[in-house]
């Protein structure tokens, strides 16, 4: 799955209101970023590298495994495959958007 496909799926998942009034960024390293601006109305999903309240750093392959359910996000965090910068409480709410 490409960055564009992930962005499209997250756009569908977020709709007009993701329920998280923060800016969240998924940083896939060299593969790019996907930002969810939960502060805007309607919410916006883009590939803009925004200043975020919470940044989730993860390899795209690991993100896809989490989205498919084959990789537990808590296990990914504990093993260092997923790193969170910023507001950890926001990261805890992301399962409803990604899963």
PDB file of N, CA and C in Angstrom:
ATOM      1  N   UNK A   1       0.851  -1.174   0.000  1.00  0.00           N
ATOM      2  CA  UNK A   1       0.000   0.000   0.000  1.00  0.00           C
ATOM      3  C   UNK A   1       0.899   1.240   0.000  1.00  0.00           C
ATOM      4  N   UNK A   2       0.520   2.222  -0.777  1.00  0.00           N
ATOM      5  CA  UNK A   2       1.317   3.439  -0.912  1.00  0.00           C
ATOM      6  C   UNK A   2       0.886   4.501   0.108  1.00  0.00           C
ATOM      7  N   UNK A   3       1.679   5.545   0.201  1.00  0.00           N
ATOM      8  CA  UNK A   3       1.355   6.668   1.078  1.00  0.00           C
ATOM      9  C   UNK A   3       0.011   7.280   0.672  1.00  0.00           C
ATOM     10  N   UNK A   4      -0.232   7.378  -0.621  1.00  0.00           N
ATOM     11  CA  UNK A   4      -1.488   7.948  -1.110  1.00  0.00           C
ATOM     12  C   UNK A   4      -2.681   7.091  -0.688  1.00  0.00           C
ATOM     13  N   UNK A   5      -2.520   5.767  -0.743  1.00  0.00           N
ATOM     14  CA  UNK A   5      -3.610   4.876  -0.338  1.00  0.00           C
ATOM     15  C   UNK A   5      -3.864   4.964   1.165  1.00  0.00           C
ATOM     16  N   UNK A   6      -2.804   5.061   1.955  1.00  0.00           N
ATOM     17  CA  UNK A   6      -2.970   5.223   3.407  1.00  0.00           C
ATOM     18  C   UNK A   6      -3.684   6.540   3.693  1.00  0.00           C
ATOM     19  N   UNK A   7      -3.273   7.602   3.009  1.00  0.00           N
ATOM     20  CA  UNK A   7      -3.901   8.909   3.193  1.00  0.00           C
ATOM     21  C   UNK A   7      -5.384   8.846   2.836  1.00  0.00           C
ATOM     22  N   UNK A   8      -5.701   8.187   1.751  1.00  0.00           N
ATOM     23  CA  UNK A   8      -7.097   8.054   1.322  1.00  0.00           C
ATOM     24  C   UNK A   8      -7.924   7.282   2.351  1.00  0.00           C
ATOM     25  N   UNK A   9      -7.379   6.181   2.844  1.00  0.00           N
ATOM     26  CA  UNK A   9      -8.111   5.375   3.834  1.00  0.00           C
ATOM     27  C   UNK A   9      -8.309   6.137   5.143  1.00  0.00           C
ATOM     28  N   UNK A  10      -7.281   6.873   5.569  1.00  0.00           N
ATOM     29  CA  UNK A  10      -7.430   7.667   6.787  1.00  0.00           C
ATOM     30  C   UNK A  10      -8.436   8.791   6.581  1.00  0.00           C
ATOM     31  N   UNK A  11      -8.473   9.367   5.390  1.00  0.00           N
ATOM     32  CA  UNK A  11      -9.456  10.409   5.089  1.00  0.00           C
ATOM     33  C   UNK A  11     -10.869   9.856   5.239  1.00  0.00           C
ATOM     34  N   UNK A  12     -11.097   8.644   4.732  1.00  0.00           N
ATOM     35  CA  UNK A  12     -12.401   7.992   4.880  1.00  0.00           C
ATOM     36  C   UNK A  12     -12.704   7.702   6.338  1.00  0.00           C
ATOM     37  N   UNK A  13     -11.729   7.216   7.071  1.00  0.00           N
ATOM     38  CA  UNK A  13     -11.907   6.869   8.472  1.00  0.00           C
ATOM     39  C   UNK A  13     -12.202   8.099   9.328  1.00  0.00           C
ATOM     40  N   UNK A  14     -11.507   9.195   9.047  1.00  0.00           N
ATOM     41  CA  UNK A  14     -11.672  10.431   9.821  1.00  0.00           C
ATOM     42  C   UNK A  14     -13.011  11.089   9.518  1.00  0.00           C
ATOM     43  N   UNK A  15     -13.397  11.121   8.242  1.00  0.00           N
ATOM     44  CA  UNK A  15     -14.619  11.820   7.864  1.00  0.00           C
ATOM     45  C   UNK A  15     -14.472  13.303   8.156  1.00  0.00           C
ATOM     46  N   UNK A  16     -15.531  13.923   8.651  1.00  0.00           N
ATOM     47  CA  UNK A  16     -15.466  15.352   8.952  1.00  0.00           C
ATOM     48  C   UNK A  16     -15.033  15.624  10.386  1.00  0.00           C
ATOM     49  N   UNK A  17     -15.056  14.568  11.243  1.00  0.00           N
ATOM     50  CA  UNK A  17     -14.685  14.752  12.652  1.00  0.00           C
ATOM     51  C   UNK A  17     -14.103  13.456  13.204  1.00  0.00           C
ATOM     52  N   UNK A  18     -12.795  13.464  13.453  1.00  0.00           N
ATOM     53  CA  UNK A  18     -12.131  12.257  13.969  1.00  0.00           C
ATOM     54  C   UNK A  18     -12.366  12.053  15.461  1.00  0.00           C
ATOM     55  N   UNK A  19     -12.891  13.065  16.126  1.00  0.00           N
ATOM     56  CA  UNK A  19     -13.138  12.951  17.563  1.00  0.00           C
ATOM     57  C   UNK A  19     -11.920  13.245  18.416  1.00  0.00           C
ATOM     58  N   UNK A  20     -10.827  13.648  17.798  1.00  0.00           N
ATOM     59  CA  UNK A  20      -9.603  14.001  18.519  1.00  0.00           C
ATOM     60  C   UNK A  20      -9.245  15.439  18.125  1.00  0.00           C
ATOM     61  N   UNK A  21      -9.499  16.410  18.994  1.00  0.00           N
ATOM     62  CA  UNK A  21      -9.273  17.819  18.629  1.00  0.00           C
ATOM     63  C   UNK A  21      -7.803  18.239  18.715  1.00  0.00           C
ATOM     64  N   UNK A  22      -6.960  17.468  18.097  1.00  0.00           N
ATOM     65  CA  UNK A  22      -5.510  17.710  18.104  1.00  0.00           C
ATOM     66  C   UNK A  22      -4.965  17.450  16.707  1.00  0.00           C
ATOM     67  N   UNK A  23      -3.710  17.835  16.492  1.00  0.00           N
ATOM     68  CA  UNK A  23      -3.034  17.498  15.243  1.00  0.00           C
ATOM     69  C   UNK A  23      -2.150  16.285  15.515  1.00  0.00           C
ATOM     70  N   UNK A  24      -2.359  15.257  14.721  1.00  0.00           N
ATOM     71  CA  UNK A  24      -1.635  13.998  14.853  1.00  0.00           C
ATOM     72  C   UNK A  24      -0.875  13.752  13.556  1.00  0.00           C
ATOM     73  N   UNK A  25       0.367  13.313  13.701  1.00  0.00           N
ATOM     74  CA  UNK A  25       1.176  13.035  12.504  1.00  0.00           C
ATOM     75  C   UNK A  25       1.742  11.623  12.588  1.00  0.00           C
ATOM     76  N   UNK A  26       1.577  10.879  11.503  1.00  0.00           N
ATOM     77  CA  UNK A  26       2.234   9.592  11.345  1.00  0.00           C
ATOM     78  C   UNK A  26       3.464   9.846  10.495  1.00  0.00           C
ATOM     79  N   UNK A  27       4.628   9.603  11.060  1.00  0.00           N
ATOM     80  CA  UNK A  27       5.895   9.835  10.368  1.00  0.00           C
ATOM     81  C   UNK A  27       6.463   8.491   9.944  1.00  0.00           C
ATOM     82  N   UNK A  28       6.459   8.247   8.636  1.00  0.00           N
ATOM     83  CA  UNK A  28       6.954   6.995   8.077  1.00  0.00           C
ATOM     84  C   UNK A  28       8.395   7.118   7.600  1.00  0.00           C
ATOM     85  N   UNK A  29       9.118   8.102   8.105  1.00  0.00           N
ATOM     86  CA  UNK A  29      10.509   8.297   7.708  1.00  0.00           C
ATOM     87  C   UNK A  29      10.605   8.710   6.251  1.00  0.00           C
ATOM     88  N   UNK A  30      11.446   8.024   5.497  1.00  0.00           N
ATOM     89  CA  UNK A  30      11.658   8.354   4.082  1.00  0.00           C
ATOM     90  C   UNK A  30      10.407   8.145   3.231  1.00  0.00           C
ATOM     91  N   UNK A  31       9.438   7.376   3.740  1.00  0.00           N
ATOM     92  CA  UNK A  31       8.212   7.114   2.981  1.00  0.00           C
ATOM     93  C   UNK A  31       7.210   8.260   3.070  1.00  0.00           C
ATOM     94  N   UNK A  32       7.455   9.243   3.947  1.00  0.00           N
ATOM     95  CA  UNK A  32       6.575  10.408   4.033  1.00  0.00           C
ATOM     96  C   UNK A  32       5.795  10.485   5.327  1.00  0.00           C
ATOM     97  N   UNK A  33       4.847  11.412   5.373  1.00  0.00           N
ATOM     98  CA  UNK A  33       4.021  11.633   6.560  1.00  0.00           C
ATOM     99  C   UNK A  33       2.550  11.720   6.170  1.00  0.00           C
ATOM    100  N   UNK A  34       1.708  11.415   7.141  1.00  0.00           N
ATOM    101  CA  UNK A  34       0.276  11.667   7.029  1.00  0.00           C
ATOM    102  C   UNK A  34      -0.107  12.422   8.284  1.00  0.00           C
ATOM    103  N   UNK A  35      -0.708  13.594   8.099  1.00  0.00           N
ATOM    104  CA  UNK A  35      -1.145  14.417   9.223  1.00  0.00           C
ATOM    105  C   UNK A  35      -2.662  14.462   9.262  1.00  0.00           C
ATOM    106  N   UNK A  36      -3.200  14.382  10.475  1.00  0.00           N
ATOM    107  CA  UNK A  36      -4.632  14.524  10.697  1.00  0.00           C
ATOM    108  C   UNK A  36      -4.820  15.783  11.530  1.00  0.00           C
ATOM    109  N   UNK A  37      -5.468  16.771  10.939  1.00  0.00           N
ATOM    110  CA  UNK A  37      -5.717  18.029  11.646  1.00  0.00           C
ATOM    111  C   UNK A  37      -7.115  17.982  12.241  1.00  0.00           C
ATOM    112  N   UNK A  38      -7.175  17.561  13.491  1.00  0.00           N
ATOM    113  CA  UNK A  38      -8.445  17.473  14.200  1.00  0.00           C
ATOM    114  C   UNK A  38      -8.906  18.803  14.762  1.00  0.00           C
ATOM    115  N   UNK A  39      -8.089  19.841  14.596  1.00  0.00           N
ATOM    116  CA  UNK A  39      -8.458  21.176  15.065  1.00  0.00           C
ATOM    117  C   UNK A  39      -9.265  21.934  14.018  1.00  0.00           C
ATOM    118  N   UNK A  40      -9.123  21.558  12.751  1.00  0.00           N
ATOM    119  CA  UNK A  40      -9.843  22.245  11.684  1.00  0.00           C
ATOM    120  C   UNK A  40     -11.256  21.680  11.564  1.00  0.00           C
ATOM    121  N   UNK A  41     -12.151  22.483  11.018  1.00  0.00           N
ATOM    122  CA  UNK A  41     -13.517  22.040  10.784  1.00  0.00           C
ATOM    123  C   UNK A  41     -13.833  22.242   9.327  1.00  0.00           C
ATOM    124  N   UNK A  42     -14.135  21.182   8.558  1.00  0.00           N
ATOM    125  CA  UNK A  42     -14.022  19.773   8.956  1.00  0.00           C
ATOM    126  C   UNK A  42     -12.561  19.369   9.117  1.00  0.00           C
ATOM    127  N   UNK A  43     -12.358  18.242   9.773  1.00  0.00           N
ATOM    128  CA  UNK A  43     -10.995  17.738   9.949  1.00  0.00           C
ATOM    129  C   UNK A  43     -10.371  17.483   8.589  1.00  0.00           C
ATOM    130  N   UNK A  44      -9.035  17.600   8.532  1.00  0.00           N
ATOM    131  CA  UNK A  44      -8.328  17.456   7.259  1.00  0.00           C
ATOM    132  C   UNK A  44      -7.207  16.430   7.407  1.00  0.00           C
ATOM    133  N   UNK A  45      -7.083  15.556   6.428  1.00  0.00           N
ATOM    134  CA  UNK A  45      -5.988  14.591   6.357  1.00  0.00           C
ATOM    135  C   UNK A  45      -5.128  14.991   5.160  1.00  0.00           C
ATOM    136  N   UNK A  46      -3.821  15.082   5.376  1.00  0.00           N
ATOM    137  CA  UNK A  46      -2.928  15.503   4.295  1.00  0.00           C
ATOM    138  C   UNK A  46      -1.564  14.861   4.456  1.00  0.00           C
ATOM    139  N   UNK A  47      -0.701  15.126   3.499  1.00  0.00           N
ATOM    140  CA  UNK A  47       0.683  14.680   3.588  1.00  0.00           C
ATOM    141  C   UNK A  47       1.600  15.843   3.945  1.00  0.00           C
ATOM    142  N   UNK A  48       1.001  16.898   4.512  1.00  0.00           N
ATOM    143  CA  UNK A  48       1.774  18.049   4.974  1.00  0.00           C
ATOM    144  C   UNK A  48       2.487  17.696   6.277  1.00  0.00           C
ATOM    145  N   UNK A  49       3.717  18.126   6.406  1.00  0.00           N
ATOM    146  CA  UNK A  49       4.514  17.856   7.600  1.00  0.00           C
ATOM    147  C   UNK A  49       4.228  18.952   8.628  1.00  0.00           C
ATOM    148  N   UNK A  50       3.081  18.834   9.305  1.00  0.00           N
ATOM    149  CA  UNK A  50       2.621  19.844  10.255  1.00  0.00           C
ATOM    150  C   UNK A  50       3.295  19.690  11.614  1.00  0.00           C
ATOM    151  N   UNK A  51       3.346  20.788  12.369  1.00  0.00           N
ATOM    152  CA  UNK A  51       3.715  20.700  13.778  1.00  0.00           C
ATOM    153  C   UNK A  51       2.556  19.997  14.467  1.00  0.00           C
ATOM    154  N   UNK A  52       2.840  18.918  15.158  1.00  0.00           N
ATOM    155  CA  UNK A  52       1.770  18.079  15.702  1.00  0.00           C
ATOM    156  C   UNK A  52       1.786  18.051  17.224  1.00  0.00           C
ATOM    157  N   UNK A  53       0.604  17.822  17.793  1.00  0.00           N
ATOM    158  CA  UNK A  53       0.489  17.607  19.234  1.00  0.00           C
ATOM    159  C   UNK A  53       1.020  16.231  19.594  1.00  0.00           C
ATOM    160  N   UNK A  54       0.910  15.303  18.647  1.00  0.00           N
ATOM    161  CA  UNK A  54       1.378  13.931  18.841  1.00  0.00           C
ATOM    162  C   UNK A  54       1.934  13.415  17.517  1.00  0.00           C
ATOM    163  N   UNK A  55       3.171  12.940  17.542  1.00  0.00           N
ATOM    164  CA  UNK A  55       3.795  12.349  16.360  1.00  0.00           C
ATOM    165  C   UNK A  55       4.070  10.885  16.633  1.00  0.00           C
ATOM    166  N   UNK A  56       3.583  10.045  15.742  1.00  0.00           N
ATOM    167  CA  UNK A  56       3.808   8.604  15.829  1.00  0.00           C
ATOM    168  C   UNK A  56       4.826   8.253  14.753  1.00  0.00           C
ATOM    169  N   UNK A  57       5.999   7.796  15.178  1.00  0.00           N
ATOM    170  CA  UNK A  57       7.045   7.388  14.244  1.00  0.00           C
ATOM    171  C   UNK A  57       7.015   5.875  14.128  1.00  0.00           C
ATOM    172  N   UNK A  58       6.824   5.414  12.897  1.00  0.00           N
ATOM    173  CA  UNK A  58       6.685   3.978  12.663  1.00  0.00           C
ATOM    174  C   UNK A  58       7.017   3.706  11.194  1.00  0.00           C
ATOM    175  N   UNK A  59       7.611   2.559  10.944  1.00  0.00           N
ATOM    176  CA  UNK A  59       7.843   2.146   9.554  1.00  0.00           C
ATOM    177  C   UNK A  59       6.494   1.880   8.896  1.00  0.00           C
ATOM    178  N   UNK A  60       6.382   2.217   7.626  1.00  0.00           N
ATOM    179  CA  UNK A  60       5.116   2.020   6.932  1.00  0.00           C
ATOM    180  C   UNK A  60       4.678   0.560   6.986  1.00  0.00           C
ATOM    181  N   UNK A  61       5.601  -0.360   6.861  1.00  0.00           N
ATOM    182  CA  UNK A  61       5.249  -1.790   6.899  1.00  0.00           C
ATOM    183  C   UNK A  61       4.654  -2.167   8.258  1.00  0.00           C
ATOM    184  N   UNK A  62       5.204  -1.626   9.347  1.00  0.00           N
ATOM    185  CA  UNK A  62       4.663  -1.914  10.678  1.00  0.00           C
ATOM    186  C   UNK A  62       3.295  -1.258  10.861  1.00  0.00           C
ATOM    187  N   UNK A  63       3.124  -0.056  10.330  1.00  0.00           N
ATOM    188  CA  UNK A  63       1.827   0.613  10.384  1.00  0.00           C
ATOM    189  C   UNK A  63       0.762  -0.229   9.690  1.00  0.00           C
ATOM    190  N   UNK A  64       1.102  -0.756   8.528  1.00  0.00           N
ATOM    191  CA  UNK A  64       0.156  -1.575   7.774  1.00  0.00           C
ATOM    192  C   UNK A  64      -0.189  -2.854   8.531  1.00  0.00           C
ATOM    193  N   UNK A  65       0.796  -3.433   9.211  1.00  0.00           N
ATOM    194  CA  UNK A  65       0.525  -4.629  10.018  1.00  0.00           C
ATOM    195  C   UNK A  65      -0.407  -4.294  11.177  1.00  0.00           C
ATOM    196  N   UNK A  66      -0.221  -3.121  11.791  1.00  0.00           N
ATOM    197  CA  UNK A  66      -1.111  -2.707  12.878  1.00  0.00           C
ATOM    198  C   UNK A  66      -2.523  -2.476  12.336  1.00  0.00           C
ATOM    199  N   UNK A  67      -2.624  -1.825  11.187  1.00  0.00           N
ATOM    200  CA  UNK A  67      -3.930  -1.538  10.597  1.00  0.00           C
ATOM    201  C   UNK A  67      -4.676  -2.820  10.233  1.00  0.00           C
ATOM    202  N   UNK A  68      -3.939  -3.861   9.846  1.00  0.00           N
ATOM    203  CA  UNK A  68      -4.577  -5.125   9.472  1.00  0.00           C
ATOM    204  C   UNK A  68      -4.868  -6.003  10.691  1.00  0.00           C
ATOM    205  N   UNK A  69      -4.317  -5.623  11.845  1.00  0.00           N
ATOM    206  CA  UNK A  69      -4.546  -6.399  13.060  1.00  0.00           C
ATOM    207  C   UNK A  69      -3.508  -7.462  13.322  1.00  0.00           C
ATOM    208  N   UNK A  70      -2.494  -7.579  12.459  1.00  0.00           N
ATOM    209  CA  UNK A  70      -1.489  -8.627  12.668  1.00  0.00           C
ATOM    210  C   UNK A  70      -0.355  -8.182  13.604  1.00  0.00           C
ATOM    211  N   UNK A  71      -0.303  -6.885  13.935  1.00  0.00           N
ATOM    212  CA  UNK A  71       0.686  -6.389  14.890  1.00  0.00           C
ATOM    213  C   UNK A  71      -0.031  -5.572  15.942  1.00  0.00           C
ATOM    214  N   UNK A  72       0.126  -5.978  17.188  1.00  0.00           N
ATOM    215  CA  UNK A  72      -0.489  -5.267  18.302  1.00  0.00           C
ATOM    216  C   UNK A  72       0.247  -3.950  18.534  1.00  0.00           C
ATOM    217  N   UNK A  73      -0.466  -2.804  18.535  1.00  0.00           N
ATOM    218  CA  UNK A  73       0.194  -1.505  18.728  1.00  0.00           C
ATOM    219  C   UNK A  73       0.972  -1.398  20.041  1.00  0.00           C
ATOM    220  N   UNK A  74       0.446  -1.985  21.115  1.00  0.00           N
ATOM    221  CA  UNK A  74       1.158  -1.939  22.400  1.00  0.00           C
ATOM    222  C   UNK A  74       2.464  -2.727  22.311  1.00  0.00           C
ATOM    223  N   UNK A  75       2.445  -3.856  21.637  1.00  0.00           N
ATOM    224  CA  UNK A  75       3.656  -4.656  21.469  1.00  0.00           C
ATOM    225  C   UNK A  75       4.656  -3.900  20.587  1.00  0.00           C
ATOM    226  N   UNK A  76       4.148  -3.250  19.548  1.00  0.00           N
ATOM    227  CA  UNK A  76       5.021  -2.456  18.674  1.00  0.00           C
ATOM    228  C   UNK A  76       5.694  -1.337  19.469  1.00  0.00           C
ATOM    229  N   UNK A  77       4.953  -0.716  20.369  1.00  0.00           N
ATOM    230  CA  UNK A  77       5.507   0.354  21.199  1.00  0.00           C
ATOM    231  C   UNK A  77       6.568  -0.212  22.146  1.00  0.00           C
ATOM    232  N   UNK A  78       6.244  -1.322  22.798  1.00  0.00           N
ATOM    233  CA  UNK A  78       7.174  -1.897  23.784  1.00  0.00           C
ATOM    234  C   UNK A  78       8.447  -2.423  23.137  1.00  0.00           C
ATOM    235  N   UNK A  79       8.378  -2.852  21.879  1.00  0.00           N
ATOM    236  CA  UNK A  79       9.565  -3.379  21.203  1.00  0.00           C
ATOM    237  C   UNK A  79      10.300  -2.310  20.393  1.00  0.00           C
ATOM    238  N   UNK A  80       9.813  -1.070  20.439  1.00  0.00           N
ATOM    239  CA  UNK A  80      10.496   0.030  19.767  1.00  0.00           C
ATOM    240  C   UNK A  80      10.162   0.192  18.296  1.00  0.00           C
ATOM    241  N   UNK A  81       9.203  -0.575  17.793  1.00  0.00           N
ATOM    242  CA  UNK A  81       8.809  -0.425  16.393  1.00  0.00           C
ATOM    243  C   UNK A  81       7.964   0.830  16.182  1.00  0.00           C
ATOM    244  N   UNK A  82       7.355   1.296  17.260  1.00  0.00           N
ATOM    245  CA  UNK A  82       6.502   2.479  17.224  1.00  0.00           C
ATOM    246  C   UNK A  82       6.984   3.418  18.320  1.00  0.00           C
ATOM    247  N   UNK A  83       7.198   4.672  17.976  1.00  0.00           N
ATOM    248  CA  UNK A  83       7.642   5.665  18.947  1.00  0.00           C
ATOM    249  C   UNK A  83       6.663   6.827  18.928  1.00  0.00           C
ATOM    250  N   UNK A  84       6.360   7.352  20.104  1.00  0.00           N
ATOM    251  CA  UNK A  84       5.416   8.456  20.233  1.00  0.00           C
ATOM    252  C   UNK A  84       6.135   9.661  20.798  1.00  0.00           C
ATOM    253  N   UNK A  85       5.970  10.796  20.129  1.00  0.00           N
ATOM    254  CA  UNK A  85       6.497  12.064  20.624  1.00  0.00           C
ATOM    255  C   UNK A  85       5.319  12.978  20.881  1.00  0.00           C
ATOM    256  N   UNK A  86       5.331  13.640  22.027  1.00  0.00           N
ATOM    257  CA  UNK A  86       4.241  14.560  22.347  1.00  0.00           C
ATOM    258  C   UNK A  86       3.217  13.917  23.251  1.00  0.00           C
ATOM    259  N   UNK A  87       1.961  14.257  23.037  1.00  0.00           N
ATOM    260  CA  UNK A  87       0.851  13.883  23.907  1.00  0.00           C
ATOM    261  C   UNK A  87       0.494  12.403  23.763  1.00  0.00           C
ATOM    262  N   UNK A  88       0.915  11.611  24.726  1.00  0.00           N
ATOM    263  CA  UNK A  88       0.674  10.169  24.703  1.00  0.00           C
ATOM    264  C   UNK A  88      -0.823   9.852  24.782  1.00  0.00           C
ATOM    265  N   UNK A  89      -1.599  10.696  25.448  1.00  0.00           N
ATOM    266  CA  UNK A  89      -3.041  10.428  25.555  1.00  0.00           C
ATOM    267  C   UNK A  89      -3.711  10.472  24.184  1.00  0.00           C
ATOM    268  N   UNK A  90      -3.189  11.280  23.283  1.00  0.00           N
ATOM    269  CA  UNK A  90      -3.717  11.329  21.920  1.00  0.00           C
ATOM    270  C   UNK A  90      -3.406  10.012  21.207  1.00  0.00           C
ATOM    271  N   UNK A  91      -2.200   9.521  21.376  1.00  0.00           N
ATOM    272  CA  UNK A  91      -1.799   8.258  20.735  1.00  0.00           C
ATOM    273  C   UNK A  91      -2.706   7.108  21.173  1.00  0.00           C
ATOM    274  N   UNK A  92      -3.152   7.139  22.421  1.00  0.00           N
ATOM    275  CA  UNK A  92      -3.999   6.067  22.944  1.00  0.00           C
ATOM    276  C   UNK A  92      -5.374   6.042  22.256  1.00  0.00           C
ATOM    277  N   UNK A  93      -5.763   7.147  21.635  1.00  0.00           N
ATOM    278  CA  UNK A  93      -7.075   7.241  20.982  1.00  0.00           C
ATOM    279  C   UNK A  93      -7.041   6.875  19.499  1.00  0.00           C
ATOM    280  N   UNK A  94      -5.863   6.610  18.966  1.00  0.00           N
ATOM    281  CA  UNK A  94      -5.708   6.421  17.519  1.00  0.00           C
ATOM    282  C   UNK A  94      -6.221   5.080  17.006  1.00  0.00           C
ATOM    283  N   UNK A  95      -6.401   4.124  17.873  1.00  0.00           N
ATOM    284  CA  UNK A  95      -6.847   2.802  17.434  1.00  0.00           C
ATOM    285  C   UNK A  95      -8.142   2.843  16.663  1.00  0.00           C
ATOM    286  N   UNK A  96      -9.044   3.734  17.051  1.00  0.00           N
ATOM    287  CA  UNK A  96     -10.339   3.807  16.367  1.00  0.00           C
ATOM    288  C   UNK A  96     -10.208   4.345  14.947  1.00  0.00           C
ATOM    289  N   UNK A  97      -9.118   5.061  14.660  1.00  0.00           N
ATOM    290  CA  UNK A  97      -8.906   5.595  13.305  1.00  0.00           C
ATOM    291  C   UNK A  97      -8.119   4.647  12.428  1.00  0.00           C
ATOM    292  N   UNK A  98      -7.168   3.942  13.029  1.00  0.00           N
ATOM    293  CA  UNK A  98      -6.244   3.112  12.257  1.00  0.00           C
ATOM    294  C   UNK A  98      -6.752   1.688  12.099  1.00  0.00           C
ATOM    295  N   UNK A  99      -7.303   1.137  13.180  1.00  0.00           N
ATOM    296  CA  UNK A  99      -7.701  -0.264  13.167  1.00  0.00           C
ATOM    297  C   UNK A  99      -8.912  -0.589  12.370  1.00  0.00           C
TER     298      UNK A  99
END
